[in-house]
C-alpha atoms as a PDB file:
ATOM      1  CA  MET A   1      -0.203   0.149   0.060  1.00  0.00           C
ATOM      2  CA  LYS A   2       2.914   2.450   0.899  1.00  0.00           C
ATOM      3  CA  ILE A   3       4.255   2.074  -2.659  1.00  0.00           C
ATOM      4  CA  TYR A   4       0.951   3.229  -4.239  1.00  0.00           C
ATOM      5  CA  ILE A   5       0.945   6.134  -1.930  1.00  0.00           C
ATOM      6  CA  LEU A   6       4.319   7.263  -2.543  1.00  0.00           C
ATOM      7  CA  ILE A   7       3.656   7.005  -6.350  1.00  0.00           C
ATOM      8  CA  ALA A   8       0.833   9.265  -5.964  1.00  0.00           C
ATOM      9  CA  ILE A   9       2.567  12.004  -4.066  1.00  0.00           C
ATOM     10  CA  THR A  10       5.968  11.788  -6.073  1.00  0.00           C
ATOM     11  CA  THR A  11       3.826  12.084  -9.577  1.00  0.00           C
ATOM     12  CA  ILE A  12       2.033  15.090  -8.452  1.00  0.00           C
ATOM     13  CA  PHE A  13       5.333  16.724  -7.786  1.00  0.00           C
ATOM     14  CA  PHE A  14       6.251  15.337 -11.424  1.00  0.00           C
ATOM     15  CA  LEU A  15       3.428  17.939 -12.759  1.00  0.00           C
ATOM     16  CA  ALA A  16       4.708  20.713 -10.210  1.00  0.00           C
ATOM     17  CA  CYS A  17       8.316  21.178 -11.614  1.00  0.00           C
ATOM     18  CA  SER A  18       9.778  20.881 -15.157  1.00  0.00           C
ATOM     19  CA  SER A  19      11.674  17.409 -15.983  1.00  0.00           C
ATOM     20  CA  SER A  20      15.189  18.011 -16.032  1.00  0.00           C
ATOM     21  CA  SER A  21      18.272  15.763 -17.252  1.00  0.00           C
ATOM     22  CA  LYS A  22      20.880  17.764 -14.874  1.00  0.00           C
ATOM     23  CA  SER A  23      22.153  15.709 -12.297  1.00  0.00           C
ATOM     24  CA  GLN A  24      21.007  16.545  -8.725  1.00  0.00           C
ATOM     25  CA  THR A  25      23.182  18.368  -6.502  1.00  0.00           C
ATOM     26  CA  THR A  26      23.197  19.203  -2.791  1.00  0.00           C
ATOM     27  CA  ILE A  27      21.823  22.579  -1.853  1.00  0.00           C
ATOM     28  CA  ILE A  28      24.886  25.019  -1.576  1.00  0.00           C
ATOM     29  CA  HIS A  29      24.796  28.408  -0.089  1.00  0.00           C
ATOM     30  CA  SER A  30      28.055  30.045  -0.407  1.00  0.00           C
ATOM     31  CA  GLU A  31      29.829  33.396  -1.731  1.00  0.00           C
ATOM     32  CA  ASN A  32      31.128  31.285  -4.449  1.00  0.00           C
ATOM     33  CA  SER A  33      27.714  29.597  -5.032  1.00  0.00           C
ATOM     34  CA  GLU A  34      26.164  31.082  -8.374  1.00  0.00           C
ATOM     35  CA  MET A  35      22.966  28.730  -7.916  1.00  0.00           C
ATOM     36  CA  THR A  36      19.976  30.832  -7.521  1.00  0.00           C
ATOM     37  CA  PHE A  37      17.004  30.022  -5.431  1.00  0.00           C
ATOM     38  CA  SER A  38      14.757  28.864  -8.585  1.00  0.00           C
ATOM     39  CA  ASN A  39      17.743  26.329  -9.418  1.00  0.00           C
ATOM     40  CA  GLN A  40      17.581  24.978  -5.806  1.00  0.00           C
ATOM     41  CA  LEU A  41      14.093  24.652  -5.744  1.00  0.00           C
ATOM     42  CA  GLU A  42      13.486  23.121  -8.985  1.00  0.00           C
ATOM     43  CA  GLN A  43      16.206  20.453  -8.168  1.00  0.00           C
ATOM     44  CA  THR A  44      14.868  19.945  -4.819  1.00  0.00           C
ATOM     45  CA  LEU A  45      11.326  19.095  -6.490  1.00  0.00           C
ATOM     46  CA  THR A  46      12.760  17.094  -9.208  1.00  0.00           C
ATOM     47  CA  THR A  47      14.749  15.214  -6.844  1.00  0.00           C
ATOM     48  CA  ILE A  48      10.956  14.316  -5.275  1.00  0.00           C
ATOM     49  CA  ASN A  49      10.222  12.487  -8.026  1.00  0.00           C
ATOM     50  CA  THR A  50      12.741   9.885  -7.650  1.00  0.00           C
ATOM     51  CA  GLN A  51      11.704   9.058  -3.770  1.00  0.00           C
ATOM     52  CA  LYS A  52      10.983   5.650  -3.453  1.00  0.00           C
ATOM     53  CA  THR A  53       9.975   5.988   0.610  1.00  0.00           C
ATOM     54  CA  LEU A  54       8.373   8.054   3.142  1.00  0.00           C
ATOM     55  CA  ASP A  55      11.986   8.336   4.578  1.00  0.00           C
ATOM     56  CA  GLU A  56      13.453  10.000   1.739  1.00  0.00           C
ATOM     57  CA  LEU A  57      10.197  12.120   1.322  1.00  0.00           C
ATOM     58  CA  PHE A  58      10.622  13.540   4.782  1.00  0.00           C
ATOM     59  CA  ALA A  59      14.141  14.311   3.706  1.00  0.00           C
ATOM     60  CA  SER A  60      13.142  16.106   0.891  1.00  0.00           C
ATOM     61  CA  VAL A  61      10.840  18.403   3.223  1.00  0.00           C
ATOM     62  CA  ASN A  62      13.961  19.127   5.504  1.00  0.00           C
ATOM     63  CA  LYS A  63      15.922  19.912   2.325  1.00  0.00           C
ATOM     64  CA  LEU A  64      13.067  22.454   1.550  1.00  0.00           C
ATOM     65  CA  LYS A  65      12.848  23.830   4.931  1.00  0.00           C
ATOM     66  CA  ARG A  66      16.706  24.673   4.639  1.00  0.00           C
ATOM     67  CA  LEU A  67      15.998  26.285   1.165  1.00  0.00           C
ATOM     68  CA  SER A  68      13.412  28.587   3.165  1.00  0.00           C
ATOM     69  CA  ALA A  69      15.635  29.546   5.687  1.00  0.00           C
ATOM     70  CA  LEU A  70      18.680  30.675   3.448  1.00  0.00           C
ATOM     71  CA  TYR A  71      15.856  32.666   1.326  1.00  0.00           C
ATOM     72  CA  PRO A  72      13.253  33.588   3.778  1.00  0.00           C
ATOM     73  CA  ASN A  73      11.667  36.322   1.377  1.00  0.00           C
ATOM     74  CA  GLU A  74      10.627  33.668  -1.006  1.00  0.00           C
ATOM     75  CA  TRP A  75       7.056  31.853  -0.596  1.00  0.00           C
ATOM     76  CA  LEU A  76       7.148  28.694  -2.980  1.00  0.00           C
ATOM     77  CA  SER A  77       9.559  26.700  -0.312  1.00  0.00           C
ATOM     78  CA  GLU A  78       7.456  27.164   2.300  1.00  0.00           C
ATOM     79  CA  TYR A  79       4.304  26.572  -0.138  1.00  0.00           C
ATOM     80  CA  TYR A  80       5.708  23.077  -1.143  1.00  0.00           C
ATOM     81  CA  ILE A  81       6.640  22.061   2.329  1.00  0.00           C
ATOM     82  CA  ALA A  82       3.201  22.683   3.479  1.00  0.00           C
ATOM     83  CA  PHE A  83       1.609  20.895   1.042  1.00  0.00           C
ATOM     84  CA  LEU A  84       3.924  17.709   1.289  1.00  0.00           C
ATOM     85  CA  ASP A  85       3.214  18.350   4.913  1.00  0.00           C
ATOM     86  CA  ILE A  86      -0.559  17.732   4.047  1.00  0.00           C
ATOM     87  CA  LYS A  87       0.146  15.069   1.465  1.00  0.00           C
ATOM     88  CA  LEU A  88       2.341  12.987   3.854  1.00  0.00           C
ATOM     89  CA  SER A  89      -0.356  13.588   6.794  1.00  0.00           C
ATOM     90  CA  LEU A  90      -2.733  11.209   4.337  1.00  0.00           C
ATOM     91  CA  SER A  91      -0.101   8.703   4.068  1.00  0.00           C
ATOM     92  CA  VAL A  92       1.504   8.062   7.597  1.00  0.00           C
ATOM     93  CA  VAL A  93      -0.511   5.688   9.889  1.00  0.00           C
ATOM     94  CA  ASP A  94       0.577   7.263  13.324  1.00  0.00           C
ATOM     95  CA  THR A  95      -1.847   9.579  14.387  1.00  0.00           C
ATOM     96  CA  ASP A  96       0.894  11.888  16.396  1.00  0.00           C
ATOM     97  CA  LYS A  97       2.694  12.416  13.013  1.00  0.00           C
ATOM     98  CA  LYS A  98      -0.340  13.093  11.228  1.00  0.00           C
ATOM     99  CA  LEU A  99      -1.353  15.883  13.702  1.00  0.00           C
ATOM    100  CA  ALA A 100       2.551  17.401  14.039  1.00  0.00           C
ATOM    101  CA  LEU A 101       2.517  17.463   9.833  1.00  0.00           C
ATOM    102  CA  LEU A 102      -0.684  19.249   9.671  1.00  0.00           C
ATOM    103  CA  LYS A 103       0.270  21.599  12.563  1.00  0.00           C
ATOM    104  CA  GLU A 104       3.411  22.174  10.488  1.00  0.00           C
ATOM    105  CA  ALA A 105       1.632  22.838   7.436  1.00  0.00           C
ATOM    106  CA  LYS A 106      -0.918  25.457   9.319  1.00  0.00           C
ATOM    107  CA  GLU A 107       1.974  27.553  10.392  1.00  0.00           C
ATOM    108  CA  LYS A 108       3.564  27.382   7.054  1.00  0.00           C
ATOM    109  CA  ILE A 109       0.320  28.522   5.425  1.00  0.00           C
ATOM    110  CA  GLU A 110      -0.456  31.135   7.961  1.00  0.00           C
ATOM    111  CA  VAL A 111       3.223  32.441   7.200  1.00  0.00           C
ATOM    112  CA  LEU A 112       2.192  32.477   3.758  1.00  0.00           C
ATOM    113  CA  LYS A 113      -0.652  34.610   3.900  1.00  0.00           C
ATOM    114  CA  ASN A 114       1.470  37.245   5.617  1.00  0.00           C
ATOM    115  CA  LYS A 115       4.004  37.357   2.787  1.00  0.00           C
ATOM    116  CA  GLU A 116       4.161  39.641  -0.276  1.00  0.00           C
ATOM    117  CA  ASN A 117       4.298  39.017  -3.742  1.00  0.00           C
ATOM    118  CA  THR A 118       2.470  35.344  -3.318  1.00  0.00           C
ATOM    119  CA  ASN A 119       0.011  33.662  -5.173  1.00  0.00           C
ATOM    120  CA  GLU A 120      -3.054  34.060  -2.780  1.00  0.00           C
ATOM    121  CA  SER A 121      -5.280  31.700  -4.741  1.00  0.00           C
ATOM    122  CA  GLU A 122      -2.806  28.957  -4.614  1.00  0.00           C
ATOM    123  CA  ILE A 123      -2.613  29.823  -0.805  1.00  0.00           C
ATOM    124  CA  ILE A 124      -5.930  29.998   0.281  1.00  0.00           C
ATOM    125  CA  THR A 125      -6.213  26.683  -1.905  1.00  0.00           C
ATOM    126  CA  LEU A 126      -3.852  25.089   0.229  1.00  0.00           C
ATOM    127  CA  ASP A 127      -5.565  26.193   3.383  1.00  0.00           C
ATOM    128  CA  GLY A 128      -8.647  24.448   2.366  1.00  0.00           C
ATOM    129  CA  TYR A 129      -6.745  21.300   1.367  1.00  0.00           C
ATOM    130  CA  TYR A 130      -5.470  21.528   5.127  1.00  0.00           C
ATOM    131  CA  TYR A 131      -9.110  21.666   6.603  1.00  0.00           C
ATOM    132  CA  TYR A 132      -9.827  18.948   4.288  1.00  0.00           C
ATOM    133  CA  SER A 133      -7.284  16.692   5.743  1.00  0.00           C
ATOM    134  CA  LYS A 134      -8.581  17.561   9.292  1.00  0.00           C
ATOM    135  CA  ILE A 135     -11.694  16.360   8.480  1.00  0.00           C
ATOM    136  CA  ALA A 136     -10.127  13.165   6.811  1.00  0.00           C
ATOM    137  CA  LEU A 137      -8.392  12.344  10.060  1.00  0.00           C
ATOM    138  CA  ASP A 138     -10.999  11.987  12.059  1.00  0.00           C
ATOM    139  CA  PRO A 139     -14.561  12.608  10.001  1.00  0.00           C
ATOM    140  CA  GLN A 140     -16.994  11.994  12.442  1.00  0.00           C
ATOM    141  CA  LYS A 141     -15.535  14.514  14.857  1.00  0.00           C
ATOM    142  CA  ASN A 142     -13.998  17.007  12.572  1.00  0.00           C
ATOM    143  CA  GLY A 143     -16.627  17.047   9.472  1.00  0.00           C
ATOM    144  CA  GLN A 144     -18.646  19.432  11.042  1.00  0.00           C
ATOM    145  CA  LEU A 145     -16.152  21.319  12.649  1.00  0.00           C
ATOM    146  CA  TYR A 146     -14.428  22.375   9.253  1.00  0.00           C
ATOM    147  CA  TYR A 147     -16.775  21.586   6.736  1.00  0.00           C
ATOM    148  CA  GLN A 148     -17.526  25.595   6.100  1.00  0.00           C
ATOM    149  CA  ASP A 149     -13.625  26.179   6.222  1.00  0.00           C
ATOM    150  CA  VAL A 150     -13.220  23.721   3.251  1.00  0.00           C
ATOM    151  CA  ILE A 151     -15.887  25.419   1.293  1.00  0.00           C
ATOM    152  CA  GLY A 152     -15.188  28.971   2.146  1.00  0.00           C
ATOM    153  CA  ALA A 153     -11.418  28.463   1.372  1.00  0.00           C
ATOM    154  CA  TYR A 154     -12.181  26.990  -1.958  1.00  0.00           C
ATOM    155  CA  GLN A 155     -14.903  29.613  -2.968  1.00  0.00           C
ATOM    156  CA  LYS A 156     -12.670  32.134  -1.722  1.00  0.00           C
ATOM    157  CA  ALA A 157      -9.668  30.898  -4.116  1.00  0.00           C
ATOM    158  CA  LYS A 158     -11.749  30.672  -7.083  1.00  0.00           C
ATOM    159  CA  THR A 159     -13.126  34.305  -6.650  1.00  0.00           C
ATOM    160  CA  ILE A 160      -9.502  35.413  -6.215  1.00  0.00           C
ATOM    161  CA  ASP A 161      -8.428  33.589  -9.757  1.00  0.00           C
ATOM    162  CA  LYS A 162     -11.525  32.646 -11.434  1.00  0.00           C
ATOM    163  CA  ASN A 163      -9.057  30.677 -13.926  1.00  0.00           C
ATOM    164  CA  ASN A 164      -7.244  28.779 -11.217  1.00  0.00           C
ATOM    165  CA  PRO A 165      -8.555  25.139 -11.743  1.00  0.00           C
ATOM    166  CA  ARG A 166      -7.066  23.549  -8.569  1.00  0.00           C
ATOM    167  CA  PRO A 167      -9.867  25.225  -5.898  1.00  0.00           C
ATOM    168  CA  ALA A 168     -12.411  24.222  -8.637  1.00  0.00           C
ATOM    169  CA  LEU A 169     -11.092  21.034  -8.533  1.00  0.00           C
ATOM    170  CA  MET A 170     -10.540  20.440  -4.751  1.00  0.00           C
ATOM    171  CA  LEU A 171     -14.160  21.770  -4.507  1.00  0.00           C
ATOM    172  CA  TYR A 172     -15.514  19.553  -6.669  1.00  0.00           C
ATOM    173  CA  ILE A 173     -14.040  16.602  -4.982  1.00  0.00           C
ATOM    174  CA  PHE A 174     -15.101  17.598  -1.391  1.00  0.00           C
ATOM    175  CA  GLN A 175     -19.073  18.038  -2.670  1.00  0.00           C
ATOM    176  CA  TYR A 176     -18.672  14.791  -4.262  1.00  0.00           C
ATOM    177  CA  ASN A 177     -17.076  13.151  -1.538  1.00  0.00           C
ATOM    178  CA  MET A 178     -19.918  14.630   0.713  1.00  0.00           C
ATOM    179  CA  SER A 179     -22.751  13.924  -1.600  1.00  0.00           C
ATOM    180  CA  LYS A 180     -21.472  10.076  -1.873  1.00  0.00           C
ATOM    181  CA  PHE A 181     -21.156  10.013   1.967  1.00  0.00           C
ATOM    182  CA  VAL A 182     -25.006  10.897   2.298  1.00  0.00           C
ATOM    183  CA  GLY A 183     -26.338   8.669  -0.795  1.00  0.00           C
ATOM    184  CA  GLY A 184     -26.688  11.416  -3.095  1.00  0.00           C
ATOM    185  CA  SER A 185     -26.096  11.595  -6.917  1.00  0.00           C
ATOM    186  CA  ASN A 186     -24.689  13.814  -9.625  1.00  0.00           C
ATOM    187  CA  GLU A 187     -26.006  13.210 -13.099  1.00  0.00           C
ATOM    188  CA  ASN A 188     -23.738  16.135 -14.467  1.00  0.00           C
ATOM    189  CA  ILE A 189     -20.595  14.821 -13.207  1.00  0.00           C
ATOM    190  CA  CYS A 190     -18.702  14.033 -16.373  1.00  0.00           C
ATOM    191  CA  SER A 191     -19.886  17.569 -17.487  1.00  0.00           C
ATOM    192  CA  GLU A 192     -18.530  19.151 -14.652  1.00  0.00           C
ATOM    193  CA  LEU A 193     -15.336  17.140 -14.643  1.00  0.00           C
ATOM    194  CA  GLU A 194     -14.888  18.235 -18.374  1.00  0.00           C
ATOM    195  CA  GLN A 195     -15.412  22.229 -17.384  1.00  0.00           C
ATOM    196  CA  ILE A 196     -12.270  21.610 -14.878  1.00  0.00           C
ATOM    197  CA  ALA A 197     -10.185  19.663 -17.349  1.00  0.00           C
ATOM    198  CA  LEU A 198     -10.707  22.404 -19.525  1.00  0.00           C
ATOM    199  CA  MET A 199      -9.415  25.275 -16.935  1.00  0.00           C
ATOM    200  CA  PHE A 200      -6.386  23.015 -16.707  1.00  0.00           C
ATOM    201  CA  LYS A 201      -5.670  22.966 -20.258  1.00  0.00           C
ATOM    202  CA  ASN A 202      -6.017  26.760 -20.621  1.00  0.00           C
ATOM    203  CA  PHE A 203      -4.200  27.636 -17.258  1.00  0.00           C
ATOM    204  CA  ILE A 204      -0.921  29.050 -17.896  1.00  0.00           C
ATOM    205  CA  PRO A 205       1.325  29.578 -14.827  1.00  0.00           C
ATOM    206  CA  ILE A 206       3.717  32.476 -14.187  1.00  0.00           C
ATOM    207  CA  ASP A 207       6.537  30.274 -14.499  1.00  0.00           C
ATOM    208  CA  LYS A 208       7.535  26.389 -14.098  1.00  0.00           C
ATOM    209  CA  LEU A 209       7.862  26.200 -10.362  1.00  0.00           C
ATOM    210  CA  GLN A 210       4.320  27.295 -10.078  1.00  0.00           C
ATOM    211  CA  PRO A 211       2.056  24.997  -8.459  1.00  0.00           C
ATOM    212  CA  LYS A 212       0.365  22.945 -11.158  1.00  0.00           C
ATOM    213  CA  TRP A 213      -0.827  19.679  -9.571  1.00  0.00           C
ATOM    214  CA  GLY A 214      -4.209  18.312  -9.553  1.00  0.00           C
ATOM    215  CA  GLU A 215      -4.716  16.836 -13.203  1.00  0.00           C
ATOM    216  CA  ILE A 216      -3.877  13.167 -11.805  1.00  0.00           C
ATOM    217  CA  GLU A 217      -6.773  13.622  -9.546  1.00  0.00           C
ATOM    218  CA  LEU A 218      -8.836  14.761 -11.907  1.00  0.00           C
ATOM    219  CA  LYS A 219      -8.348  11.799 -14.213  1.00  0.00           C
ATOM    220  CA  GLN A 220      -8.694   9.441 -11.347  1.00  0.00           C
ATOM    221  CA  TYR A 221     -12.380  10.811 -10.738  1.00  0.00           C
ATOM    222  CA  GLN A 222     -13.430  10.877 -14.496  1.00  0.00           C
ATOM    223  CA  GLU A 223     -12.170   7.151 -14.878  1.00  0.00           C
ATOM    224  CA  LYS A 224     -14.437   6.461 -11.334  1.00  0.00           C
ATOM    225  CA  GLU A 225     -17.331   8.245 -12.784  1.00  0.00           C
ATOM    226  CA  ASN A 226     -16.537   6.131 -16.359  1.00  0.00           C
ATOM    227  CA  CYS A 227     -16.923   9.259 -17.999  1.00  0.00           C
ATOM    228  CA  SER A 228     -15.851   9.138 -21.556  1.00  0.00           C
ATOM    229  CA  GLN A 229     -12.153   9.042 -22.974  1.00  0.00           C
ATOM    230  CA  GLU A 230     -13.160  12.020 -25.082  1.00  0.00           C
ATOM    231  CA  SER A 231     -13.730  13.701 -21.845  1.00  0.00           C
ATOM    232  CA  ILE A 232     -10.527  12.792 -20.660  1.00  0.00           C
ATOM    233  CA  GLN A 233      -8.664  13.829 -22.911  1.00  0.00           C
ATOM    234  CA  ASN A 234      -9.941  17.450 -23.468  1.00  0.00           C
END
């Protein structure tokens, strides 16, 4: 089971950074180094694609933390720490470790909210994902507590950037799961997923290091609902 979880996590990061044939190097910060923040972040994210164990993924989080400490004015390292913390919280078994990961993720998100020159829509989407993960930790206890936080965050992120496909997708996934939980159904599922797929197709990030995740989850839900191959490809 763990290997499938690892594949899912690392594949998501494959979409979050461009593939590179360059050899990976250790993050270096010295007077003689010409490495930029972008170079180092790209290498770290690309390395994550090769991870095969949870321990390796945790080591990658530590690399991102060192990068964040070296470049405190940059926001993407903080973003990916929080993102990976949330993903790992859904994968590890130990409850205390889950709670620690989510606590750190929330701290990073709050820091990001106060940084300048960030992508607010992406950060608020991540906040919604955090609350979604809190519910996943204990649905009976946390479902009612955080339901509005999830919905509110995704809707706010959509308002900030109507072209961002991630809050649209995550809101759909949350509402889909809630509907299934209470025995509901939606005859327009494939149509709605196709609209989100079109958003992903048309979305152009500012640069290659910006968040790009979500298309894998989208295709999983299209396949789960037996949407046509034509819809999946659009």
